[in-house]
């Protein structure tokens, strides 16, 4: 039986500071699919980690558009949905307990984690038990809020740029949807390849942010002459394009990708999907976690001097308000929940 509390959450002492792990925790959960106000604070049992899992005392969690799809029921995990459902795909915190088979982490390690459908609950909570394959040590240059907002998006950006597109030095690279949670990181990760970056922004604030992150060639993909603007920025065409959002001008812009050598990649969930094109490789991919993947992301974060833009911070008890902000759109970077 769950007990719904008021939206205000009392801060608690750290489990490490208190010397014990509590039996219950505050978590944001939904009892039914629906609008943002279905997200309410619950008292739930602290999950018990299995032999290959760690228990993380979370300090921050990311809030993404895919969370909204879980909340409203348009995306459902395989199998029967069990309520109360705790959403959230990524977060950051401190390991407070580890399973008997865990060797990669020690109690007290600062970590970030990504799991799209964790069977023991999502990251909108004070604690999460998660398999170590989905956990990495937090990059030193990131604080907890940045790490909490950066695990899913960092892996998505890195694997799009390095694995799907295989960006090479001096290639002309288009990042379509660059001001969002994945795009702002993809710009920085692509920059370390010394590529000629071209990015999209629909506002002066977005263009200014991208300039600070390293994208000096920026155009408005929503304007009626978007393809003409892109053509002036890339007169010899595009070698590779990472597509992170749909647009009525998308296909006209992708017509500038060079046949034969050109590549187009997009994470699963982008709609409408880029159309197949003759003599151009079009790749759909999902971000994959794992020890090697987190290690690669850590190295990329160090080389790129990664900055995770946090567009807004909400306390755990205001997760519904964070989702209302998601609905409004035009978010530069990513929203985060501050849990501790």
Protein backbone atom coordinates (compact mmCIF):
# COMPACT_ATOMS: atom_id res chain seq x y z
CA UNK A 1 0.00 0.00 0.00
CA UNK A 2 1.46 3.36 -0.98
CA UNK A 3 0.89 6.62 0.81
CA UNK A 4 0.71 9.80 -1.21
CA UNK A 5 2.39 12.72 0.56
CA UNK A 6 2.24 16.43 0.00
CA UNK A 7 4.42 17.76 -2.82
CA UNK A 8 6.88 19.25 -0.32
CA UNK A 9 9.60 16.76 0.57
CA UNK A 10 11.59 17.10 3.76
CA UNK A 11 15.33 16.78 3.14
CA UNK A 12 16.86 13.75 4.80
CA UNK A 13 20.34 13.06 6.04
CA UNK A 14 22.51 11.01 3.73
CA UNK A 15 22.48 7.28 4.41
CA UNK A 16 26.27 7.41 4.61
CA UNK A 17 26.12 10.26 7.12
CA UNK A 18 23.42 8.53 9.16
CA UNK A 19 25.28 5.23 9.08
CA UNK A 20 22.25 3.25 7.96
CA UNK A 21 19.95 2.75 4.99
CA UNK A 22 16.27 3.50 5.66
CA UNK A 23 13.52 1.04 4.85
CA UNK A 24 11.35 3.60 3.04
CA UNK A 25 11.98 6.49 0.69
CA UNK A 26 10.27 9.35 -1.09
CA UNK A 27 9.67 8.69 -4.78
CA UNK A 28 7.60 10.31 -7.50
CA UNK A 29 5.25 7.79 -9.07
CA UNK A 30 2.04 7.54 -11.08
CA UNK A 31 -0.96 5.34 -10.34
CA UNK A 32 -2.38 5.82 -13.85
CA UNK A 33 -1.25 7.28 -17.16
CA UNK A 34 -2.15 10.88 -17.79
CA UNK A 35 -1.08 14.56 -17.71
CA UNK A 36 1.72 15.93 -15.49
CA UNK A 37 -0.47 16.08 -12.38
CA UNK A 38 -0.56 12.26 -12.16
CA UNK A 39 3.01 12.52 -10.83
CA UNK A 40 2.81 12.62 -7.04
CA UNK A 41 5.07 11.89 -4.10
CA UNK A 42 4.76 8.38 -2.65
CA UNK A 43 6.37 6.56 0.24
CA UNK A 44 7.83 3.36 -1.20
CA UNK A 45 10.20 0.67 0.09
CA UNK A 46 13.88 1.27 -0.61
CA UNK A 47 14.76 -1.35 -3.26
CA UNK A 48 17.09 -4.16 -2.26
CA UNK A 49 20.03 -4.65 -4.64
CA UNK A 50 20.60 -8.08 -6.12
CA UNK A 51 24.01 -9.77 -6.39
CA UNK A 52 24.98 -7.80 -9.54
CA UNK A 53 23.39 -4.50 -8.49
CA UNK A 54 24.32 -1.43 -6.50
CA UNK A 55 22.04 0.74 -4.39
CA UNK A 56 22.55 4.40 -5.26
CA UNK A 57 21.49 7.24 -3.01
CA UNK A 58 20.41 9.64 -5.73
CA UNK A 59 21.17 13.35 -5.64
CA UNK A 60 19.86 14.33 -9.08
CA UNK A 61 17.88 12.86 -11.97
CA UNK A 62 17.31 13.90 -15.56
CA UNK A 63 13.90 14.79 -16.97
CA UNK A 64 13.43 14.09 -20.67
CA UNK A 65 10.75 13.99 -23.34
CA UNK A 66 10.81 10.18 -23.21
CA UNK A 67 9.72 10.44 -19.53
CA UNK A 68 6.62 12.27 -20.70
CA UNK A 69 5.90 9.37 -23.07
CA UNK A 70 6.08 6.96 -20.14
CA UNK A 71 3.87 9.23 -18.02
CA UNK A 72 1.08 9.57 -20.61
CA UNK A 73 1.20 5.91 -21.67
CA UNK A 74 2.30 6.46 -25.25
CA UNK A 75 5.40 4.37 -24.49
CA UNK A 76 5.06 1.31 -22.31
CA UNK A 77 7.65 -1.25 -21.18
CA UNK A 78 7.15 -4.77 -22.45
CA UNK A 79 4.79 -6.80 -20.31
CA UNK A 80 2.08 -5.65 -17.95
CA UNK A 81 2.58 -2.22 -16.38
CA UNK A 82 2.80 -2.33 -12.60
CA UNK A 83 1.60 0.66 -10.60
CA UNK A 84 2.78 2.70 -8.83
CA UNK A 85 5.24 3.36 -11.66
CA UNK A 86 8.36 5.40 -10.87
CA UNK A 87 9.64 7.09 -14.06
CA UNK A 88 13.13 8.35 -14.87
CA UNK A 89 15.89 6.90 -17.05
CA UNK A 90 19.04 8.42 -15.54
CA UNK A 91 20.53 10.09 -12.51
CA UNK A 92 23.59 10.55 -10.33
CA UNK A 93 24.45 9.90 -6.72
CA UNK A 94 26.55 7.85 -4.31
CA UNK A 95 26.83 4.07 -3.94
CA UNK A 96 25.61 3.09 -0.46
CA UNK A 97 25.34 -0.69 -0.86
CA UNK A 98 26.64 -3.21 -3.36
CA UNK A 99 25.65 -6.74 -4.25
CA UNK A 100 27.83 -9.76 -3.47
CA UNK A 101 29.18 -10.05 -7.04
CA UNK A 102 29.98 -6.36 -7.55
CA UNK A 103 33.68 -5.53 -7.83
CA UNK A 104 33.79 -2.39 -10.01
CA UNK A 105 32.32 -0.07 -7.38
CA UNK A 106 32.85 0.65 -3.70
CA UNK A 107 30.53 2.20 -1.15
CA UNK A 108 31.04 5.96 -1.38
CA UNK A 109 31.76 6.07 -5.14
CA UNK A 110 30.14 8.96 -7.01
CA UNK A 111 28.33 7.46 -10.01
CA UNK A 112 25.90 8.20 -12.81
CA UNK A 113 23.57 5.61 -14.29
CA UNK A 114 21.22 5.00 -17.21
CA UNK A 115 18.47 2.40 -17.43
CA UNK A 116 15.49 2.81 -19.74
CA UNK A 117 13.19 0.31 -18.05
CA UNK A 118 14.70 -0.63 -14.71
CA UNK A 119 12.58 -3.45 -13.20
CA UNK A 120 13.11 -2.05 -9.68
CA UNK A 121 11.88 1.45 -10.50
CA UNK A 122 13.11 4.62 -12.16
CA UNK A 123 15.26 7.53 -11.05
CA UNK A 124 12.57 9.89 -9.69
CA UNK A 125 13.38 8.60 -6.22
CA UNK A 126 15.77 8.94 -3.31
CA UNK A 127 17.27 5.50 -3.97
CA UNK A 128 17.58 3.17 -6.94
CA UNK A 129 18.90 -0.38 -7.23
CA UNK A 130 20.41 -0.90 -10.67
CA UNK A 131 22.57 -3.47 -12.42
CA UNK A 132 26.22 -2.43 -12.59
CA UNK A 133 26.17 -2.77 -16.38
CA UNK A 134 24.11 0.43 -16.35
CA UNK A 135 26.40 2.39 -14.00
CA UNK A 136 29.59 4.40 -14.51
CA UNK A 137 31.88 6.43 -12.28
CA UNK A 138 30.98 10.10 -12.54
CA UNK A 139 33.36 12.31 -14.54
CA UNK A 140 35.31 14.57 -12.20
CA UNK A 141 34.48 17.75 -14.09
CA UNK A 142 30.70 17.33 -13.67
CA UNK A 143 28.69 18.20 -10.58
CA UNK A 144 25.78 16.07 -9.45
CA UNK A 145 23.12 18.07 -11.30
CA UNK A 146 25.05 17.94 -14.58
CA UNK A 147 25.75 14.22 -14.18
CA UNK A 148 22.15 13.52 -13.24
CA UNK A 149 21.03 15.22 -16.45
CA UNK A 150 23.80 13.83 -18.63
CA UNK A 151 24.00 10.04 -18.60
CA UNK A 152 21.30 9.15 -21.13
CA UNK A 153 22.00 12.16 -23.32
CA UNK A 154 25.77 11.75 -23.12
CA UNK A 155 25.67 8.13 -24.24
CA UNK A 156 23.22 9.01 -27.02
CA UNK A 157 25.40 11.85 -28.27
CA UNK A 158 28.66 9.89 -28.09
CA UNK A 159 27.33 6.80 -29.82
CA UNK A 160 25.68 8.88 -32.52
CA UNK A 161 28.82 10.86 -33.31
CA UNK A 162 31.49 8.16 -32.83
CA UNK A 163 29.75 4.87 -33.61
CA UNK A 164 26.85 5.53 -35.97
CA UNK A 165 28.40 8.39 -37.98
CA UNK A 166 32.11 7.63 -37.40
CA UNK A 167 33.03 11.30 -37.72
CA UNK A 168 36.46 12.02 -39.22
CA UNK A 169 38.73 15.02 -39.03
CA UNK A 170 37.69 18.02 -41.15
CA UNK A 171 34.39 16.46 -42.18
CA UNK A 172 31.37 18.75 -42.47
CA UNK A 173 28.85 17.64 -39.85
CA UNK A 174 25.26 18.81 -39.43
CA UNK A 175 23.61 18.49 -36.00
CA UNK A 176 19.89 18.98 -36.55
CA UNK A 177 18.17 19.80 -33.25
CA UNK A 178 21.37 21.01 -31.61
CA UNK A 179 19.93 23.07 -28.75
CA UNK A 180 18.25 20.13 -27.02
CA UNK A 181 19.48 17.76 -24.35
CA UNK A 182 21.37 15.46 -26.75
CA UNK A 183 22.33 18.10 -29.29
CA UNK A 184 24.18 20.38 -26.86
CA UNK A 185 26.39 17.43 -25.90
CA UNK A 186 26.77 16.16 -29.47
CA UNK A 187 28.17 19.55 -30.52
CA UNK A 188 30.91 19.29 -27.89
CA UNK A 189 31.68 15.62 -28.59
CA UNK A 190 31.91 16.22 -32.35
CA UNK A 191 34.19 19.21 -31.80
CA UNK A 192 36.95 16.97 -30.44
CA UNK A 193 37.20 15.38 -33.93
CA UNK A 194 38.04 18.83 -35.39
CA UNK A 195 35.01 18.57 -37.65
CA UNK A 196 33.39 21.54 -39.39
CA UNK A 197 30.24 21.82 -37.31
CA UNK A 198 26.94 23.24 -38.50
CA UNK A 199 24.11 23.34 -35.98
CA UNK A 200 20.47 24.39 -35.89
CA UNK A 201 18.87 26.86 -33.46
CA UNK A 202 15.48 28.54 -33.63
CA UNK A 203 16.26 31.44 -31.28
CA UNK A 204 19.05 33.91 -30.61
CA UNK A 205 19.43 32.42 -27.13
CA UNK A 206 19.94 28.98 -28.65
CA UNK A 207 22.44 30.31 -31.19
CA UNK A 208 24.38 32.05 -28.41
CA UNK A 209 24.51 28.83 -26.36
CA UNK A 210 25.74 26.79 -29.32
CA UNK A 211 28.41 29.38 -30.04
CA UNK A 212 29.71 29.03 -26.48
CA UNK A 213 29.73 25.24 -26.87
CA UNK A 214 31.82 25.41 -30.04
CA UNK A 215 29.37 25.58 -32.97
CA UNK A 216 30.22 28.76 -34.90
CA UNK A 217 28.03 27.99 -37.94
CA UNK A 218 24.38 28.11 -36.88
CA UNK A 219 21.16 28.51 -38.87
CA UNK A 220 17.42 28.46 -38.17
CA UNK A 221 15.98 25.18 -39.47
CA UNK A 222 12.43 26.48 -39.06
CA UNK A 223 12.86 29.40 -41.47
CA UNK A 224 11.41 29.16 -44.97
CA UNK A 225 14.88 29.38 -46.54
CA UNK A 226 16.54 26.86 -44.18
CA UNK A 227 18.00 24.72 -46.99
CA UNK A 228 19.39 27.81 -48.73
CA UNK A 229 21.04 28.94 -45.48
CA UNK A 230 22.58 25.51 -45.03
CA UNK A 231 23.78 25.50 -48.64
CA UNK A 232 25.66 28.75 -48.07
CA UNK A 233 27.28 27.32 -44.91
CA UNK A 234 28.21 24.04 -46.65
CA UNK A 235 28.76 24.79 -50.34
CA UNK A 236 30.49 21.41 -50.84
CA UNK A 237 27.74 19.45 -49.11
CA UNK A 238 27.38 17.55 -45.83
CA UNK A 239 29.44 14.47 -44.92
CA UNK A 240 27.38 13.39 -41.91
CA UNK A 241 24.18 14.47 -40.18
CA UNK A 242 22.92 13.66 -36.69
CA UNK A 243 19.14 14.20 -36.66
CA UNK A 244 17.65 14.77 -33.20
CA UNK A 245 14.29 16.29 -34.10
CA UNK A 246 11.84 16.36 -36.97
CA UNK A 247 11.00 19.42 -39.03
CA UNK A 248 9.13 20.28 -42.20
CA UNK A 249 12.47 21.47 -43.59
CA UNK A 250 14.42 18.39 -42.54
CA UNK A 251 14.41 16.53 -45.85
CA UNK A 252 15.36 19.64 -47.84
CA UNK A 253 18.37 20.07 -45.56
CA UNK A 254 19.30 16.38 -45.77
CA UNK A 255 19.31 16.64 -49.58
CA UNK A 256 22.70 18.32 -49.09
CA UNK A 257 24.22 15.13 -47.67
CA UNK A 258 26.70 13.86 -50.25
CA UNK A 259 25.82 10.54 -51.96
CA UNK A 260 28.36 7.76 -51.75
CA UNK A 261 30.20 8.88 -48.64
CA UNK A 262 27.42 10.63 -46.69
CA UNK A 263 25.79 9.24 -43.54
CA UNK A 264 22.65 10.16 -41.60
CA UNK A 265 22.00 8.89 -38.07
CA UNK A 266 19.13 9.38 -35.65
CA UNK A 267 18.20 7.96 -32.22
CA UNK A 268 15.11 5.78 -32.11
CA UNK A 269 12.08 7.90 -31.28
CA UNK A 270 12.81 10.83 -33.58
CA UNK A 271 9.70 11.51 -35.65
CA UNK A 272 9.28 11.81 -38.53
CA UNK A 273 12.25 9.61 -39.24
CA UNK A 274 14.66 10.72 -41.97
CA UNK A 275 13.75 9.12 -45.28
CA UNK A 276 15.99 6.59 -46.97
CA UNK A 277 18.15 8.11 -49.66
CA UNK A 278 19.98 6.55 -52.57
CA UNK A 279 23.70 5.94 -51.92
CA UNK A 280 23.45 7.41 -48.41
CA UNK A 281 23.62 5.30 -45.26
CA UNK A 282 20.69 6.06 -42.90
CA UNK A 283 21.21 4.62 -39.42
CA UNK A 284 18.77 4.32 -36.51
CA UNK A 285 20.34 3.53 -33.14
CA UNK A 286 19.67 3.30 -29.41
CA UNK A 287 22.08 4.42 -26.70
CA UNK A 288 23.62 1.33 -25.09
CA UNK A 289 25.00 1.27 -21.53
CA UNK A 290 27.89 -0.87 -20.32
CA UNK A 291 31.26 -0.57 -18.56
CA UNK A 292 33.13 0.16 -21.81
CA UNK A 293 30.49 2.65 -22.94
CA UNK A 294 30.66 4.61 -19.68
CA UNK A 295 34.47 4.54 -19.78
CA UNK A 296 34.42 5.94 -23.32
CA UNK A 297 31.97 8.64 -22.25
CA UNK A 298 34.21 9.56 -19.33
CA UNK A 299 37.19 9.96 -21.69
CA UNK A 300 35.11 11.96 -24.18
CA UNK A 301 33.84 14.22 -21.40
CA UNK A 302 37.41 14.95 -20.33
CA UNK A 303 38.67 15.60 -23.87
CA UNK A 304 35.70 17.77 -24.80
CA UNK A 305 35.67 19.56 -21.42
CA UNK A 306 32.03 18.61 -21.43
CA UNK A 307 29.45 21.07 -20.17
CA UNK A 308 25.93 19.72 -19.57
CA UNK A 309 23.54 22.69 -19.94
CA UNK A 310 20.84 22.45 -17.26
CA UNK A 311 17.84 24.48 -18.41
CA UNK A 312 15.86 24.22 -15.18
CA UNK A 313 16.09 22.63 -11.74
CA UNK A 314 13.09 21.36 -9.76
CA UNK A 315 12.99 19.62 -6.38
CA UNK A 316 11.79 16.02 -6.39
CA UNK A 317 8.38 17.02 -5.07
CA UNK A 318 7.84 19.28 -8.08
CA UNK A 319 8.31 16.64 -10.77
CA UNK A 320 4.83 17.48 -12.10
CA UNK A 321 5.91 21.10 -12.62
CA UNK A 322 9.05 19.85 -14.39
CA UNK A 323 6.83 17.91 -16.79
CA UNK A 324 4.63 20.94 -17.33
CA UNK A 325 7.80 22.77 -18.39
CA UNK A 326 8.55 19.89 -20.78
CA UNK A 327 5.16 20.36 -22.41
CA UNK A 328 5.96 24.03 -23.09
CA UNK A 329 9.00 23.02 -25.20
CA UNK A 330 11.90 25.19 -26.41
CA UNK A 331 14.24 23.87 -23.71
CA UNK A 332 17.92 24.71 -24.12
CA UNK A 333 19.68 21.67 -22.70
CA UNK A 334 17.90 19.48 -20.17
CA UNK A 335 15.77 19.76 -17.05
CA UNK A 336 16.98 18.16 -13.81
CA UNK A 337 15.40 17.10 -10.53
CA UNK A 338 17.39 17.98 -7.41
CA UNK A 339 16.80 15.11 -4.99
CA UNK A 340 19.27 16.05 -2.23
